[in-house]
N, C-alpha and C. Protein backbone atom coordinates (compact mmCIF):
# COMPACT_ATOMS: atom_id res chain seq x y z
N MET A 1 0.82 -1.19 0.00
CA MET A 1 0.00 0.00 0.00
C MET A 1 0.86 1.25 0.00
N HIS A 2 2.15 1.11 -0.04
CA HIS A 2 3.00 2.27 0.13
C HIS A 2 3.61 2.77 -1.17
N THR A 3 3.07 2.35 -2.33
CA THR A 3 3.65 2.79 -3.59
C THR A 3 2.86 3.91 -4.26
N ILE A 4 1.83 4.40 -3.63
CA ILE A 4 1.07 5.51 -4.20
C ILE A 4 1.97 6.74 -4.22
N ALA A 5 2.01 7.42 -5.37
CA ALA A 5 2.88 8.60 -5.50
C ALA A 5 2.53 9.63 -4.43
N ARG A 6 3.55 10.18 -3.84
CA ARG A 6 3.35 11.15 -2.78
C ARG A 6 3.39 12.57 -3.34
N THR A 7 2.40 13.36 -2.98
CA THR A 7 2.35 14.77 -3.31
C THR A 7 2.87 15.53 -2.10
N PRO A 8 3.77 16.48 -2.29
CA PRO A 8 4.23 17.26 -1.13
C PRO A 8 3.04 17.91 -0.43
N THR A 9 3.08 17.92 0.89
CA THR A 9 1.94 18.48 1.63
C THR A 9 1.72 19.95 1.32
N THR A 10 2.76 20.65 0.86
CA THR A 10 2.58 22.06 0.50
C THR A 10 1.70 22.22 -0.73
N GLU A 11 1.53 21.14 -1.52
CA GLU A 11 0.69 21.19 -2.71
C GLU A 11 -0.72 20.63 -2.47
N MET A 12 -1.01 20.24 -1.24
CA MET A 12 -2.31 19.68 -0.91
C MET A 12 -3.24 20.75 -0.38
N GLU A 13 -4.54 20.51 -0.56
CA GLU A 13 -5.54 21.41 0.01
C GLU A 13 -5.86 20.96 1.43
N VAL A 14 -6.04 21.90 2.30
CA VAL A 14 -6.40 21.60 3.67
C VAL A 14 -7.91 21.36 3.72
N THR A 15 -8.30 20.31 4.41
CA THR A 15 -9.71 20.02 4.59
C THR A 15 -9.92 19.56 6.03
N SER A 16 -11.12 19.63 6.47
CA SER A 16 -11.42 19.23 7.85
C SER A 16 -12.39 18.06 7.80
N ILE A 17 -12.14 17.08 8.64
CA ILE A 17 -13.03 15.93 8.75
C ILE A 17 -13.20 15.60 10.22
N ARG A 18 -14.41 15.27 10.60
CA ARG A 18 -14.66 14.92 11.99
C ARG A 18 -14.65 13.40 12.12
N LEU A 19 -13.84 12.92 13.05
CA LEU A 19 -13.72 11.49 13.31
C LEU A 19 -13.98 11.22 14.78
N GLU A 20 -14.55 10.07 15.07
CA GLU A 20 -14.69 9.67 16.46
C GLU A 20 -13.29 9.51 17.04
N LYS A 21 -13.13 9.84 18.30
CA LYS A 21 -11.82 9.73 18.95
C LYS A 21 -11.28 8.31 18.85
N GLU A 22 -12.15 7.32 19.07
CA GLU A 22 -11.73 5.92 19.01
C GLU A 22 -11.20 5.57 17.61
N LEU A 23 -11.87 6.05 16.55
CA LEU A 23 -11.41 5.80 15.19
C LEU A 23 -10.06 6.45 14.95
N LYS A 24 -9.91 7.69 15.36
CA LYS A 24 -8.64 8.40 15.19
C LYS A 24 -7.52 7.67 15.93
N ASP A 25 -7.79 7.22 17.15
CA ASP A 25 -6.78 6.49 17.93
C ASP A 25 -6.39 5.19 17.23
N LYS A 26 -7.37 4.47 16.67
CA LYS A 26 -7.08 3.22 15.95
C LYS A 26 -6.25 3.50 14.70
N LEU A 27 -6.59 4.57 13.98
CA LEU A 27 -5.82 4.93 12.79
C LEU A 27 -4.37 5.26 13.16
N LYS A 28 -4.19 5.96 14.26
CA LYS A 28 -2.83 6.28 14.73
C LYS A 28 -2.06 5.01 15.06
N GLU A 29 -2.72 4.04 15.70
CA GLU A 29 -2.08 2.77 16.03
C GLU A 29 -1.65 2.04 14.75
N LEU A 30 -2.55 1.99 13.77
CA LEU A 30 -2.29 1.25 12.54
C LEU A 30 -1.26 1.92 11.65
N SER A 31 -1.13 3.22 11.74
CA SER A 31 -0.29 3.96 10.79
C SER A 31 1.20 3.86 11.09
N GLY A 32 1.56 3.59 12.34
CA GLY A 32 2.98 3.51 12.69
C GLY A 32 3.70 4.80 12.35
N ASN A 33 4.88 4.67 11.74
CA ASN A 33 5.69 5.84 11.40
C ASN A 33 5.13 6.64 10.23
N GLN A 34 4.20 6.05 9.49
CA GLN A 34 3.61 6.71 8.32
C GLN A 34 2.77 7.93 8.72
N GLY A 35 2.12 7.87 9.87
CA GLY A 35 1.23 8.95 10.29
C GLY A 35 -0.20 8.66 9.85
N TYR A 36 -1.15 9.00 10.69
CA TYR A 36 -2.53 8.61 10.40
C TYR A 36 -3.13 9.40 9.24
N GLN A 37 -2.70 10.64 9.00
CA GLN A 37 -3.26 11.38 7.88
C GLN A 37 -2.83 10.76 6.55
N ALA A 38 -1.57 10.32 6.47
CA ALA A 38 -1.10 9.63 5.27
C ALA A 38 -1.86 8.32 5.07
N LEU A 39 -2.14 7.61 6.17
CA LEU A 39 -2.91 6.38 6.08
C LEU A 39 -4.31 6.66 5.56
N ILE A 40 -4.95 7.71 6.06
CA ILE A 40 -6.29 8.08 5.58
C ILE A 40 -6.25 8.39 4.08
N ARG A 41 -5.22 9.12 3.63
CA ARG A 41 -5.10 9.41 2.18
C ARG A 41 -4.95 8.12 1.38
N ASP A 42 -4.12 7.18 1.86
CA ASP A 42 -3.95 5.90 1.16
C ASP A 42 -5.28 5.15 1.08
N ILE A 43 -6.01 5.11 2.19
CA ILE A 43 -7.30 4.43 2.21
C ILE A 43 -8.26 5.08 1.21
N LEU A 44 -8.32 6.40 1.21
CA LEU A 44 -9.22 7.10 0.29
C LEU A 44 -8.82 6.90 -1.17
N TRP A 45 -7.52 6.96 -1.47
CA TRP A 45 -7.06 6.73 -2.85
C TRP A 45 -7.39 5.30 -3.30
N ASN A 46 -7.18 4.32 -2.43
CA ASN A 46 -7.51 2.94 -2.77
C ASN A 46 -8.99 2.79 -3.07
N TYR A 47 -9.82 3.43 -2.26
CA TYR A 47 -11.27 3.37 -2.46
C TYR A 47 -11.65 4.00 -3.80
N VAL A 48 -11.11 5.19 -4.07
CA VAL A 48 -11.42 5.89 -5.32
C VAL A 48 -10.98 5.06 -6.53
N GLN A 49 -9.78 4.49 -6.46
CA GLN A 49 -9.29 3.69 -7.59
C GLN A 49 -10.15 2.45 -7.81
N GLN A 50 -10.56 1.79 -6.74
CA GLN A 50 -11.39 0.60 -6.89
C GLN A 50 -12.76 0.95 -7.46
N LYS A 51 -13.37 2.00 -6.94
CA LYS A 51 -14.73 2.36 -7.37
C LYS A 51 -14.77 3.00 -8.75
N SER A 52 -13.69 3.67 -9.15
CA SER A 52 -13.69 4.37 -10.44
C SER A 52 -13.17 3.50 -11.58
N GLY A 53 -12.68 2.30 -11.26
CA GLY A 53 -12.11 1.45 -12.29
C GLY A 53 -10.69 1.83 -12.66
N GLU A 54 -10.09 2.72 -11.91
CA GLU A 54 -8.72 3.16 -12.18
C GLU A 54 -7.71 2.40 -11.32
N TRP A 55 -8.02 1.15 -11.00
CA TRP A 55 -7.16 0.39 -10.12
C TRP A 55 -5.76 0.26 -10.70
N LYS A 56 -4.76 0.41 -9.85
CA LYS A 56 -3.36 0.25 -10.24
C LYS A 56 -2.70 -0.67 -9.23
N PRO A 57 -1.79 -1.54 -9.69
CA PRO A 57 -1.13 -2.44 -8.74
C PRO A 57 -0.39 -1.65 -7.67
N ARG A 58 -0.48 -2.14 -6.44
CA ARG A 58 0.22 -1.51 -5.33
C ARG A 58 1.54 -2.19 -5.06
N PHE A 59 1.70 -3.41 -5.56
CA PHE A 59 2.90 -4.19 -5.34
C PHE A 59 3.32 -4.85 -6.65
N SER A 60 4.57 -5.27 -6.71
CA SER A 60 5.04 -6.08 -7.83
C SER A 60 5.39 -7.46 -7.29
N ARG A 61 5.61 -8.42 -8.19
CA ARG A 61 5.98 -9.77 -7.75
C ARG A 61 7.25 -9.75 -6.91
N ALA A 62 8.15 -8.82 -7.20
CA ALA A 62 9.40 -8.72 -6.44
C ALA A 62 9.17 -8.32 -4.99
N ASP A 63 8.02 -7.73 -4.68
CA ASP A 63 7.70 -7.32 -3.31
C ASP A 63 7.24 -8.49 -2.44
N ILE A 64 6.89 -9.63 -3.05
CA ILE A 64 6.33 -10.76 -2.33
C ILE A 64 7.46 -11.70 -1.90
N ARG A 65 7.64 -11.88 -0.60
CA ARG A 65 8.71 -12.74 -0.06
C ARG A 65 8.27 -14.18 0.08
N ALA A 66 7.00 -14.40 0.39
CA ALA A 66 6.48 -15.75 0.59
C ALA A 66 4.97 -15.72 0.40
N SER A 67 4.38 -16.89 0.17
CA SER A 67 2.93 -16.96 0.06
C SER A 67 2.43 -18.24 0.72
N ILE A 68 1.19 -18.17 1.20
CA ILE A 68 0.55 -19.34 1.79
C ILE A 68 -0.85 -19.48 1.23
N ASP A 69 -1.33 -20.73 1.14
CA ASP A 69 -2.69 -20.98 0.67
C ASP A 69 -3.69 -20.46 1.69
N ALA A 70 -4.79 -19.93 1.18
CA ALA A 70 -5.83 -19.39 2.07
C ALA A 70 -7.17 -19.48 1.36
N THR A 71 -8.22 -19.19 2.10
CA THR A 71 -9.57 -19.09 1.56
C THR A 71 -10.10 -17.72 1.91
N SER A 72 -10.60 -17.01 0.93
CA SER A 72 -11.14 -15.67 1.15
C SER A 72 -12.40 -15.73 2.01
N GLN A 73 -12.47 -14.90 3.03
CA GLN A 73 -13.65 -14.83 3.87
C GLN A 73 -14.62 -13.74 3.40
N GLN A 74 -14.12 -12.85 2.54
CA GLN A 74 -14.93 -11.80 1.95
C GLN A 74 -14.32 -11.48 0.59
N GLN A 75 -15.00 -10.69 -0.21
CA GLN A 75 -14.44 -10.32 -1.51
C GLN A 75 -13.15 -9.54 -1.32
N GLU A 76 -12.13 -9.92 -2.05
CA GLU A 76 -10.83 -9.27 -1.99
C GLU A 76 -10.40 -8.92 -3.41
N ARG A 77 -9.36 -8.10 -3.51
CA ARG A 77 -8.79 -7.77 -4.82
C ARG A 77 -7.31 -8.09 -4.77
N CYS A 78 -6.83 -8.87 -5.73
CA CYS A 78 -5.42 -9.22 -5.80
C CYS A 78 -4.59 -7.95 -5.96
N VAL A 79 -3.56 -7.80 -5.11
CA VAL A 79 -2.75 -6.58 -5.15
C VAL A 79 -1.80 -6.55 -6.35
N LEU A 80 -1.63 -7.67 -7.04
CA LEU A 80 -0.75 -7.70 -8.21
C LEU A 80 -1.50 -7.52 -9.51
N THR A 81 -2.68 -8.14 -9.63
CA THR A 81 -3.40 -8.15 -10.90
C THR A 81 -4.69 -7.33 -10.89
N GLY A 82 -5.21 -7.05 -9.70
CA GLY A 82 -6.50 -6.36 -9.61
C GLY A 82 -7.69 -7.29 -9.73
N GLN A 83 -7.43 -8.57 -9.98
CA GLN A 83 -8.51 -9.55 -10.13
C GLN A 83 -9.30 -9.66 -8.84
N LEU A 84 -10.63 -9.70 -8.97
CA LEU A 84 -11.48 -9.90 -7.79
C LEU A 84 -11.41 -11.35 -7.35
N ILE A 85 -11.34 -11.55 -6.07
CA ILE A 85 -11.37 -12.87 -5.46
C ILE A 85 -12.65 -12.92 -4.64
N GLN A 86 -13.56 -13.79 -5.03
CA GLN A 86 -14.86 -13.86 -4.38
C GLN A 86 -14.75 -14.53 -3.02
N ALA A 87 -15.71 -14.25 -2.14
CA ALA A 87 -15.75 -14.87 -0.82
C ALA A 87 -15.79 -16.38 -0.95
N GLN A 88 -15.09 -17.04 -0.05
CA GLN A 88 -15.02 -18.50 0.03
C GLN A 88 -14.28 -19.14 -1.15
N GLN A 89 -13.48 -18.36 -1.87
CA GLN A 89 -12.68 -18.89 -2.97
C GLN A 89 -11.23 -19.07 -2.54
N PRO A 90 -10.52 -20.05 -3.13
CA PRO A 90 -9.10 -20.21 -2.82
C PRO A 90 -8.33 -18.97 -3.25
N MET A 91 -7.32 -18.64 -2.49
CA MET A 91 -6.46 -17.50 -2.79
C MET A 91 -5.12 -17.74 -2.13
N LEU A 92 -4.22 -16.81 -2.26
CA LEU A 92 -2.95 -16.83 -1.56
C LEU A 92 -2.87 -15.60 -0.68
N LEU A 93 -2.16 -15.71 0.41
CA LEU A 93 -1.78 -14.55 1.21
C LEU A 93 -0.28 -14.37 0.99
N GLY A 94 0.10 -13.19 0.54
CA GLY A 94 1.50 -12.91 0.28
C GLY A 94 2.11 -12.08 1.38
N LEU A 95 3.30 -12.48 1.82
CA LEU A 95 4.06 -11.71 2.80
C LEU A 95 4.99 -10.78 2.03
N THR A 96 4.84 -9.47 2.23
CA THR A 96 5.65 -8.51 1.49
C THR A 96 6.96 -8.22 2.22
N LYS A 97 7.85 -7.53 1.53
CA LYS A 97 9.13 -7.13 2.11
C LYS A 97 8.95 -6.27 3.35
N THR A 98 7.83 -5.55 3.42
CA THR A 98 7.58 -4.67 4.57
C THR A 98 6.81 -5.37 5.69
N GLY A 99 6.51 -6.67 5.50
CA GLY A 99 5.82 -7.43 6.54
C GLY A 99 4.31 -7.41 6.45
N ASP A 100 3.75 -6.83 5.39
CA ASP A 100 2.30 -6.83 5.21
C ASP A 100 1.85 -8.17 4.63
N MET A 101 0.67 -8.61 5.01
CA MET A 101 0.02 -9.78 4.39
C MET A 101 -1.01 -9.24 3.42
N VAL A 102 -0.90 -9.62 2.15
CA VAL A 102 -1.76 -9.06 1.12
C VAL A 102 -2.44 -10.17 0.34
N PRO A 103 -3.66 -9.90 -0.18
CA PRO A 103 -4.39 -10.91 -0.95
C PRO A 103 -3.80 -11.05 -2.36
N LEU A 104 -3.68 -12.32 -2.78
CA LEU A 104 -3.18 -12.63 -4.12
C LEU A 104 -4.09 -13.65 -4.77
N SER A 105 -4.36 -13.49 -6.06
CA SER A 105 -5.09 -14.51 -6.79
C SER A 105 -4.15 -15.69 -7.01
N LEU A 106 -4.71 -16.87 -7.23
CA LEU A 106 -3.89 -18.07 -7.42
C LEU A 106 -2.94 -17.92 -8.61
N GLU A 107 -3.37 -17.22 -9.64
CA GLU A 107 -2.59 -17.10 -10.86
C GLU A 107 -1.53 -16.00 -10.80
N SER A 108 -1.59 -15.13 -9.82
CA SER A 108 -0.77 -13.93 -9.83
C SER A 108 0.73 -14.19 -9.71
N LEU A 109 1.13 -15.31 -9.12
CA LEU A 109 2.56 -15.60 -8.97
C LEU A 109 3.04 -16.64 -9.99
N ALA A 110 2.14 -17.09 -10.84
CA ALA A 110 2.52 -18.10 -11.84
C ALA A 110 3.50 -17.54 -12.85
N GLY A 111 4.43 -18.34 -13.22
CA GLY A 111 5.44 -18.13 -14.10
C GLY A 111 5.92 -17.21 -14.99
């Protein structure tokens, strides 16, 4: 999720959003060194790309260190191909160089 091009904050528009304190605290926990505002931007960009059909890969095959067989519990999107993985379908979970576990379609690592 960390390959989205970064715009300098001096070129961004300031906006205000109201969040529950608990949500903001959870976002801060999840964001680590990235910062929760950057995490919110990543989440929003991912949502916009998925809904608008402008999906772009967030990872390359070189980013995947290992994979394990899994079954999707909900609809997922392969981070390499963009292919939808339906709930209860076989899939792979890929371990990235940064330690993230990401959804992969069965075909995404093939040859």
